[in-house]
């Protein structure tokens, strides 16, 4: 069993690709079943979306706790951060205030390492609505959240893909958290390298054996391959090889140390050795020569015009295993306006499953510079969003995604205290 800590230590120190973008080519290779959309590249789509008039009237201040990369100590209005003028969550919140002129939305940045302990010690300070990871909700916040089961049952339009996301986020058999963001694992490759060397490109339905074969061709051609470098990004591969991090109740003991999982890590280590070189990890030159990378969907590549997106490989059973870094909106038991809080969440997500899935994709990108960067080339943004709409429906929360932090999220996940 000493093998596992050593392997994890190696992969956790690796540097991942800092960005991704879809290929500029609009071809269909690797996009079977992904249907084009008519709203290609609309950055203001969420803000302009209309919803039926409920005939309700609300007044007062609704405090919304959110995760933010630029943490602010004091509460702020939706346009209170000048560097987030197009963040879809903020623009949609302004649209909510226009719908209900008597309501003021006040954002409160929530960070596990900064003010989470303070909120737990004095629950009266908790916002009405809070953005949380699944593990934040089911562990430290478990006793502070309202079950949304009755509300979800009334949302018949959410049946379908969005209901899958809700079920991913459930704990104790009930929905306390409605998914707001979902960041799955994807495969990214430099198109011109594959074209110039005649190497087969990643595609829908390729396998991990294909990944190893293609990776070896790239290494022989003088380029590097970067497999999932962090424990959360390794999880889909371990699942594909027959292992698992947790059991059905989210417990590690009996699952992560099971013979099947140990064997899966052994297979991963063999694959890892086959597709990497011993000197590549501390070497920035080798990193710059990467041609194939496994990483999260919201990474932004410097050479985005050269990069194409594909799904990660399928397992031997023909199934693609994936996971996501997921957050959702919850209503706290300390909310002074729970009815207004529910109306806000419903407004943010939409009335139908399709609207909710679109919202999740846009909010996921809205938390990164990816969204603004792709605005210059809407068709490439839309291609990646098409993949996202599908991948998030097969991607449960990553097991080690304990608490959100404004640092690089996957690297700190295993060190959470609870």
Protein backbone atom coordinates (compact mmCIF):
# COMPACT_ATOMS: atom_id res chain seq x y z
CA UNK A 1 0.00 0.00 0.00
CA UNK A 2 3.01 2.30 0.19
CA UNK A 3 2.66 2.61 -3.58
CA UNK A 4 -0.45 4.79 -3.42
CA UNK A 5 0.97 7.72 -1.40
CA UNK A 6 4.08 7.74 -3.57
CA UNK A 7 2.04 7.79 -6.76
CA UNK A 8 -0.25 10.53 -5.46
CA UNK A 9 2.71 12.60 -4.33
CA UNK A 10 4.18 12.38 -7.82
CA UNK A 11 1.04 13.33 -9.66
CA UNK A 12 0.02 16.06 -7.22
CA UNK A 13 3.25 17.94 -7.84
CA UNK A 14 2.75 18.02 -11.58
CA UNK A 15 1.77 21.19 -13.41
CA UNK A 16 -1.37 21.10 -15.53
CA UNK A 17 -2.22 22.92 -18.74
CA UNK A 18 -3.46 26.41 -17.95
CA UNK A 19 -5.99 26.61 -20.65
CA UNK A 20 -8.01 25.12 -23.37
CA UNK A 21 -9.98 26.08 -26.34
CA UNK A 22 -11.70 24.23 -29.12
CA UNK A 23 -10.37 23.80 -32.59
CA UNK A 24 -10.96 26.59 -35.12
CA UNK A 25 -11.99 23.93 -37.63
CA UNK A 26 -15.76 23.44 -37.70
CA UNK A 27 -15.55 19.83 -38.87
CA UNK A 28 -17.61 17.06 -37.35
CA UNK A 29 -14.86 14.65 -36.31
CA UNK A 30 -15.37 13.66 -32.68
CA UNK A 31 -18.69 15.46 -32.28
CA UNK A 32 -21.19 12.72 -33.08
CA UNK A 33 -24.45 13.39 -31.34
CA UNK A 34 -23.51 16.99 -30.49
CA UNK A 35 -26.12 19.23 -32.09
CA UNK A 36 -25.29 22.79 -33.19
CA UNK A 37 -27.14 25.62 -31.52
CA UNK A 38 -28.73 28.74 -32.95
CA UNK A 39 -27.59 30.99 -30.07
CA UNK A 40 -23.90 30.61 -30.90
CA UNK A 41 -21.60 32.77 -28.81
CA UNK A 42 -24.16 35.00 -27.15
CA UNK A 43 -22.45 36.31 -24.04
CA UNK A 44 -25.60 38.10 -22.91
CA UNK A 45 -27.95 35.14 -23.50
CA UNK A 46 -28.64 34.50 -19.83
CA UNK A 47 -29.21 38.15 -18.99
CA UNK A 48 -31.68 38.59 -21.86
CA UNK A 49 -33.58 35.35 -21.25
CA UNK A 50 -37.21 35.99 -20.37
CA UNK A 51 -39.27 34.05 -17.84
CA UNK A 52 -43.01 33.96 -17.25
CA UNK A 53 -44.36 36.74 -15.04
CA UNK A 54 -45.20 35.13 -11.71
CA UNK A 55 -47.41 38.01 -10.58
CA UNK A 56 -45.51 38.00 -7.29
CA UNK A 57 -44.08 41.05 -5.57
CA UNK A 58 -40.95 41.00 -3.45
CA UNK A 59 -39.06 43.66 -1.54
CA UNK A 60 -35.96 43.80 0.60
CA UNK A 61 -32.34 42.66 0.33
CA UNK A 62 -31.35 39.15 -0.67
CA UNK A 63 -27.82 38.21 0.37
CA UNK A 64 -26.14 35.72 -1.98
CA UNK A 65 -22.90 34.02 -0.94
CA UNK A 66 -20.70 33.19 -3.92
CA UNK A 67 -17.26 31.75 -4.63
CA UNK A 68 -15.03 34.33 -6.28
CA UNK A 69 -11.45 34.29 -7.50
CA UNK A 70 -11.02 37.88 -6.31
CA UNK A 71 -12.25 37.78 -2.73
CA UNK A 72 -13.79 40.90 -1.21
CA UNK A 73 -14.27 41.29 2.52
CA UNK A 74 -17.35 43.52 2.30
CA UNK A 75 -20.70 42.82 0.58
CA UNK A 76 -21.17 44.34 -2.87
CA UNK A 77 -23.93 44.79 -5.51
CA UNK A 78 -23.99 42.79 -8.78
CA UNK A 79 -21.90 45.44 -10.55
CA UNK A 80 -19.60 45.94 -7.55
CA UNK A 81 -16.56 44.35 -9.20
CA UNK A 82 -15.39 46.37 -12.17
CA UNK A 83 -13.28 43.43 -13.44
CA UNK A 84 -16.36 41.19 -13.79
CA UNK A 85 -18.62 43.31 -16.03
CA UNK A 86 -19.79 40.35 -18.12
CA UNK A 87 -19.96 37.63 -15.48
CA UNK A 88 -23.27 35.94 -16.36
CA UNK A 89 -24.24 35.42 -12.72
CA UNK A 90 -23.94 39.15 -12.06
CA UNK A 91 -25.77 40.20 -15.23
CA UNK A 92 -28.54 37.71 -14.55
CA UNK A 93 -28.87 39.03 -10.99
CA UNK A 94 -29.31 42.55 -12.34
CA UNK A 95 -32.06 41.21 -14.59
CA UNK A 96 -33.71 39.73 -11.50
CA UNK A 97 -33.69 43.13 -9.81
CA UNK A 98 -35.26 44.65 -12.92
CA UNK A 99 -38.00 42.03 -12.72
CA UNK A 100 -38.54 42.81 -9.03
CA UNK A 101 -37.69 46.52 -8.57
CA UNK A 102 -38.17 46.35 -4.82
CA UNK A 103 -35.37 43.78 -4.41
CA UNK A 104 -31.68 44.47 -3.91
CA UNK A 105 -29.16 41.65 -4.49
CA UNK A 106 -26.12 41.83 -2.26
CA UNK A 107 -23.21 39.47 -2.93
CA UNK A 108 -21.00 38.10 -0.18
CA UNK A 109 -17.80 36.30 -1.14
CA UNK A 110 -17.53 32.96 0.67
CA UNK A 111 -14.20 31.16 0.94
CA UNK A 112 -13.42 28.16 3.13
CA UNK A 113 -10.01 29.55 4.07
CA UNK A 114 -11.21 33.10 4.81
CA UNK A 115 -14.69 33.43 6.29
CA UNK A 116 -16.32 29.99 6.36
CA UNK A 117 -15.42 29.39 10.01
CA UNK A 118 -16.87 32.76 10.96
CA UNK A 119 -20.18 31.93 9.27
CA UNK A 120 -20.37 28.55 11.02
CA UNK A 121 -19.65 30.12 14.39
CA UNK A 122 -22.32 32.80 13.89
CA UNK A 123 -24.99 31.39 11.51
CA UNK A 124 -26.93 34.67 11.71
CA UNK A 125 -24.32 36.08 9.34
CA UNK A 126 -25.00 33.43 6.70
CA UNK A 127 -26.38 34.69 3.38
CA UNK A 128 -29.89 33.70 2.30
CA UNK A 129 -28.48 31.78 -0.68
CA UNK A 130 -25.03 30.18 -0.73
CA UNK A 131 -22.91 28.72 -3.50
CA UNK A 132 -21.25 25.57 -2.18
CA UNK A 133 -19.40 22.53 -3.38
CA UNK A 134 -21.24 19.27 -2.77
CA UNK A 135 -18.89 18.35 0.08
CA UNK A 136 -19.20 21.79 1.67
CA UNK A 137 -22.97 21.28 1.64
CA UNK A 138 -23.03 17.71 2.96
CA UNK A 139 -20.32 18.10 5.61
CA UNK A 140 -19.91 21.47 7.44
CA UNK A 141 -23.15 23.02 6.11
CA UNK A 142 -25.36 19.94 6.48
CA UNK A 143 -27.34 21.30 9.46
CA UNK A 144 -27.74 24.78 7.99
CA UNK A 145 -29.50 24.05 4.69
CA UNK A 146 -33.14 23.67 3.67
CA UNK A 147 -34.18 20.61 1.66
CA UNK A 148 -35.37 21.70 -1.77
CA UNK A 149 -37.20 18.44 -2.50
CA UNK A 150 -40.70 19.98 -2.63
CA UNK A 151 -39.53 22.82 -4.87
CA UNK A 152 -37.71 20.46 -7.24
CA UNK A 153 -40.76 18.20 -7.46
CA UNK A 154 -42.79 21.17 -8.71
CA UNK A 155 -40.24 21.93 -11.46
CA UNK A 156 -41.48 19.49 -14.09
CA UNK A 157 -39.46 21.31 -16.75
CA UNK A 158 -36.24 20.23 -15.09
CA UNK A 159 -36.89 16.56 -15.84
CA UNK A 160 -34.15 15.26 -18.12
CA UNK A 161 -30.51 16.26 -18.19
CA UNK A 162 -30.64 18.86 -15.44
CA UNK A 163 -32.31 16.39 -13.11
CA UNK A 164 -29.24 14.17 -13.56
CA UNK A 165 -27.10 17.01 -12.21
CA UNK A 166 -29.45 17.51 -9.27
CA UNK A 167 -29.19 13.80 -8.44
CA UNK A 168 -25.39 14.00 -8.64
CA UNK A 169 -25.46 16.70 -5.95
CA UNK A 170 -27.93 14.98 -3.60
CA UNK A 171 -27.04 13.73 -0.15
CA UNK A 172 -29.17 11.94 2.43
CA UNK A 173 -31.42 11.13 -0.53
CA UNK A 174 -32.60 14.72 -0.96
CA UNK A 175 -31.64 17.77 -3.02
CA UNK A 176 -30.18 20.55 -0.89
CA UNK A 177 -28.04 21.95 -3.67
CA UNK A 178 -29.03 22.96 -7.20
CA UNK A 179 -26.00 22.74 -9.54
CA UNK A 180 -24.74 26.11 -10.75
CA UNK A 181 -21.34 25.22 -12.20
CA UNK A 182 -19.84 21.94 -13.42
CA UNK A 183 -16.30 21.68 -14.75
CA UNK A 184 -15.60 18.23 -16.29
CA UNK A 185 -12.35 16.69 -17.50
CA UNK A 186 -11.61 17.04 -21.22
CA UNK A 187 -8.85 16.16 -23.66
CA UNK A 188 -6.99 18.90 -25.56
CA UNK A 189 -4.54 18.60 -28.40
CA UNK A 190 -2.52 20.85 -30.71
CA UNK A 191 -4.10 20.42 -34.14
CA UNK A 192 -1.14 21.33 -36.36
CA UNK A 193 1.17 18.85 -34.61
CA UNK A 194 -1.23 15.99 -35.33
CA UNK A 195 -1.71 17.20 -38.92
CA UNK A 196 1.99 17.71 -39.67
CA UNK A 197 3.05 14.31 -38.32
CA UNK A 198 0.04 12.35 -39.58
CA UNK A 199 -0.96 11.23 -36.10
CA UNK A 200 -4.49 10.00 -35.42
CA UNK A 201 -6.53 12.61 -33.54
CA UNK A 202 -8.58 12.01 -30.38
CA UNK A 203 -12.21 11.28 -31.20
CA UNK A 204 -15.52 10.18 -29.75
CA UNK A 205 -15.28 6.55 -28.63
CA UNK A 206 -11.49 6.24 -28.50
CA UNK A 207 -10.01 4.10 -25.70
CA UNK A 208 -7.23 4.38 -23.14
CA UNK A 209 -5.21 1.94 -25.25
CA UNK A 210 -5.61 4.42 -28.13
CA UNK A 211 -4.44 7.18 -25.80
CA UNK A 212 -1.24 5.28 -24.96
CA UNK A 213 -0.55 4.44 -28.61
CA UNK A 214 -1.08 8.02 -29.79
CA UNK A 215 0.94 9.40 -26.87
CA UNK A 216 3.91 7.19 -27.75
CA UNK A 217 3.79 8.48 -31.34
CA UNK A 218 3.87 12.06 -30.05
CA UNK A 219 6.81 11.34 -27.75
CA UNK A 220 8.70 9.66 -30.59
CA UNK A 221 8.09 12.82 -32.65
CA UNK A 222 9.66 14.96 -29.91
CA UNK A 223 6.58 16.25 -28.10
CA UNK A 224 5.19 15.70 -24.60
CA UNK A 225 1.94 14.36 -23.18
CA UNK A 226 0.40 15.54 -19.90
CA UNK A 227 -2.04 13.07 -18.35
CA UNK A 228 -4.26 14.11 -15.45
CA UNK A 229 -1.80 15.55 -12.95
CA UNK A 230 -4.00 15.86 -9.85
CA UNK A 231 -5.93 13.38 -7.75
CA UNK A 232 -9.35 14.66 -8.91
CA UNK A 233 -8.35 14.45 -12.57
CA UNK A 234 -7.04 10.91 -12.07
CA UNK A 235 -10.36 9.68 -10.68
CA UNK A 236 -12.11 9.12 -14.06
CA UNK A 237 -9.14 7.03 -15.17
CA UNK A 238 -9.23 4.97 -11.97
CA UNK A 239 -12.97 4.46 -12.51
CA UNK A 240 -12.35 3.38 -16.10
CA UNK A 241 -9.80 0.83 -14.87
CA UNK A 242 -12.29 -0.69 -12.41
CA UNK A 243 -11.45 1.21 -9.21
CA UNK A 244 -13.27 3.83 -7.16
CA UNK A 245 -12.39 6.39 -4.55
CA UNK A 246 -15.54 6.10 -2.41
CA UNK A 247 -18.45 3.78 -1.77
CA UNK A 248 -22.12 4.69 -2.28
CA UNK A 249 -22.12 6.65 1.00
CA UNK A 250 -19.05 8.69 0.14
CA UNK A 251 -16.67 6.77 2.43
CA UNK A 252 -13.08 6.13 1.38
CA UNK A 253 -12.36 3.13 3.61
CA UNK A 254 -13.26 -0.08 1.82
CA UNK A 255 -13.25 1.62 -1.58
CA UNK A 256 -10.00 3.46 -2.16
CA UNK A 257 -8.03 0.70 -0.42
CA UNK A 258 -9.88 -2.14 -2.14
CA UNK A 259 -7.99 -4.62 -4.37
CA UNK A 260 -9.84 -3.34 -7.45
CA UNK A 261 -8.77 0.25 -6.77
CA UNK A 262 -5.19 -0.74 -5.98
CA UNK A 263 -5.05 -2.63 -9.28
CA UNK A 264 -6.51 0.39 -11.06
CA UNK A 265 -3.76 2.60 -9.62
CA UNK A 266 -1.18 0.08 -10.76
CA UNK A 267 -2.61 0.25 -14.28
CA UNK A 268 -2.63 4.04 -14.11
CA UNK A 269 1.01 4.07 -12.98
CA UNK A 270 1.96 1.80 -15.89
CA UNK A 271 0.11 4.07 -18.32
CA UNK A 272 1.62 7.16 -16.69
CA UNK A 273 5.12 5.76 -17.18
CA UNK A 274 4.38 4.83 -20.78
CA UNK A 275 3.19 8.29 -21.84
CA UNK A 276 5.61 10.52 -19.90
CA UNK A 277 9.36 10.93 -19.59
CA UNK A 278 11.22 11.09 -16.24
CA UNK A 279 12.59 14.58 -16.88
CA UNK A 280 9.43 16.33 -18.08
CA UNK A 281 7.88 17.42 -14.77
CA UNK A 282 10.38 20.02 -13.59
CA UNK A 283 11.23 21.04 -17.15
CA UNK A 284 9.34 24.10 -18.50
CA UNK A 285 10.74 23.51 -22.00
CA UNK A 286 9.11 20.08 -22.16
CA UNK A 287 5.88 21.56 -20.80
CA UNK A 288 5.81 24.08 -23.66
CA UNK A 289 6.10 21.17 -26.14
CA UNK A 290 2.98 19.44 -24.88
CA UNK A 291 0.77 18.18 -27.68
CA UNK A 292 -1.90 16.25 -25.73
CA UNK A 293 -3.28 17.18 -22.31
CA UNK A 294 -5.96 15.99 -19.90
CA UNK A 295 -7.36 18.89 -17.91
CA UNK A 296 -10.46 20.76 -16.76
CA UNK A 297 -12.72 22.37 -19.34
CA UNK A 298 -12.09 25.93 -18.18
CA UNK A 299 -8.31 26.03 -18.64
CA UNK A 300 -7.29 28.67 -21.15
CA UNK A 301 -4.47 27.89 -23.57
CA UNK A 302 -2.17 30.60 -24.85
CA UNK A 303 -2.21 28.99 -28.29
CA UNK A 304 -5.98 28.70 -28.38
CA UNK A 305 -6.20 28.89 -32.15
CA UNK A 306 -4.08 25.73 -32.34
CA UNK A 307 -5.98 23.70 -29.74
CA UNK A 308 -8.85 21.29 -30.31
CA UNK A 309 -11.13 19.66 -27.76
CA UNK A 310 -12.19 16.02 -27.50
CA UNK A 311 -13.72 13.78 -24.83
CA UNK A 312 -11.47 11.70 -22.62
CA UNK A 313 -11.22 8.03 -23.69
CA UNK A 314 -13.83 5.36 -23.04
CA UNK A 315 -13.26 2.41 -20.71
CA UNK A 316 -13.07 -1.16 -21.98
CA UNK A 317 -16.79 -1.57 -21.29
CA UNK A 318 -17.57 1.22 -23.79
CA UNK A 319 -18.57 3.71 -21.07
CA UNK A 320 -16.89 7.07 -20.59
CA UNK A 321 -16.21 7.85 -16.93
CA UNK A 322 -15.81 11.50 -15.96
CA UNK A 323 -16.18 13.77 -12.95
CA UNK A 324 -16.58 17.49 -12.36
CA UNK A 325 -15.71 20.29 -10.01
CA UNK A 326 -19.28 21.23 -9.15
CA UNK A 327 -20.91 24.00 -7.16
CA UNK A 328 -24.58 24.65 -6.52
CA UNK A 329 -26.97 27.09 -4.89
CA UNK A 330 -28.55 26.28 -1.52
CA UNK A 331 -30.99 28.12 0.75
CA UNK A 332 -29.87 28.44 4.35
CA UNK A 333 -32.15 27.83 7.31
CA UNK A 334 -31.22 31.30 8.52
CA UNK A 335 -32.66 33.07 5.47
CA UNK A 336 -35.12 35.83 6.29
CA UNK A 337 -36.69 35.50 2.87
CA UNK A 338 -36.74 31.83 1.81
CA UNK A 339 -39.52 32.38 -0.76
CA UNK A 340 -37.54 35.16 -2.42
CA UNK A 341 -34.42 32.98 -2.26
CA UNK A 342 -36.19 30.19 -4.15
CA UNK A 343 -37.56 32.64 -6.75
CA UNK A 344 -34.01 33.92 -7.28
CA UNK A 345 -32.52 30.43 -7.74
CA UNK A 346 -35.29 29.47 -10.17
CA UNK A 347 -34.74 32.69 -12.11
CA UNK A 348 -30.99 32.06 -12.29
CA UNK A 349 -31.44 28.56 -13.72
CA UNK A 350 -34.53 28.79 -15.93
CA UNK A 351 -37.78 26.92 -16.23
CA UNK A 352 -36.66 23.99 -18.42
CA UNK A 353 -33.89 21.40 -18.34
CA UNK A 354 -32.34 22.86 -21.49
CA UNK A 355 -32.27 26.35 -20.01
CA UNK A 356 -30.76 25.06 -16.78
CA UNK A 357 -28.03 23.10 -18.59
CA UNK A 358 -27.20 26.18 -20.69
CA UNK A 359 -27.06 28.25 -17.50
CA UNK A 360 -24.68 25.81 -15.81
CA UNK A 361 -22.34 25.87 -18.81
CA UNK A 362 -22.36 29.66 -18.99
CA UNK A 363 -21.89 30.13 -15.24
CA UNK A 364 -19.00 27.65 -15.34
CA UNK A 365 -17.21 29.66 -17.99
CA UNK A 366 -18.26 32.91 -16.35
CA UNK A 367 -15.98 32.11 -13.43
CA UNK A 368 -12.90 32.16 -15.67
CA UNK A 369 -11.30 34.40 -18.25
CA UNK A 370 -12.22 31.76 -20.80
CA UNK A 371 -15.61 33.29 -21.45
CA UNK A 372 -14.32 36.74 -22.38
CA UNK A 373 -11.38 35.32 -24.34
CA UNK A 374 -13.64 33.17 -26.53
CA UNK A 375 -15.94 36.10 -27.14
CA UNK A 376 -13.56 37.12 -29.91
CA UNK A 377 -14.29 33.86 -31.72
CA UNK A 378 -17.88 32.82 -30.91
CA UNK A 379 -17.88 29.67 -33.05
CA UNK A 380 -15.01 28.13 -31.06
CA UNK A 381 -16.69 28.99 -27.78
CA UNK A 382 -19.87 27.30 -28.97
CA UNK A 383 -18.04 24.11 -29.93
CA UNK A 384 -16.62 23.76 -26.44
CA UNK A 385 -20.01 24.59 -24.90
CA UNK A 386 -21.61 21.83 -26.99
CA UNK A 387 -19.19 19.31 -25.52
CA UNK A 388 -19.80 20.70 -22.06
CA UNK A 389 -23.59 20.31 -22.34
CA UNK A 390 -23.06 16.60 -22.79
CA UNK A 391 -20.11 15.92 -20.50
CA UNK A 392 -21.64 17.50 -17.40
CA UNK A 393 -24.56 15.05 -17.60
CA UNK A 394 -22.17 12.09 -17.11
CA UNK A 395 -19.86 13.79 -14.57
CA UNK A 396 -20.64 13.38 -10.86
CA UNK A 397 -18.73 15.57 -8.37
CA UNK A 398 -15.07 14.71 -7.90
CA UNK A 399 -14.57 12.79 -4.66
CA UNK A 400 -11.74 14.97 -3.39
CA UNK A 401 -13.39 18.27 -4.29
CA UNK A 402 -13.87 19.15 -0.63
CA UNK A 403 -13.89 22.92 -0.37
CA UNK A 404 -13.69 25.76 -2.83
CA UNK A 405 -10.66 27.99 -2.51
CA UNK A 406 -9.46 30.96 -4.51
CA UNK A 407 -6.17 29.12 -5.06
CA UNK A 408 -5.72 26.56 -7.84
CA UNK A 409 -8.58 24.31 -6.84
CA UNK A 410 -7.52 20.73 -7.68
CA UNK A 411 -4.06 21.00 -6.11
CA UNK A 412 -5.27 21.66 -2.56
CA UNK A 413 -8.25 19.31 -2.51
CA UNK A 414 -6.78 16.32 -0.60
CA UNK A 415 -5.62 18.43 2.33
CA UNK A 416 -9.03 19.53 3.62
CA UNK A 417 -9.43 18.89 7.37
CA UNK A 418 -12.96 17.53 7.51
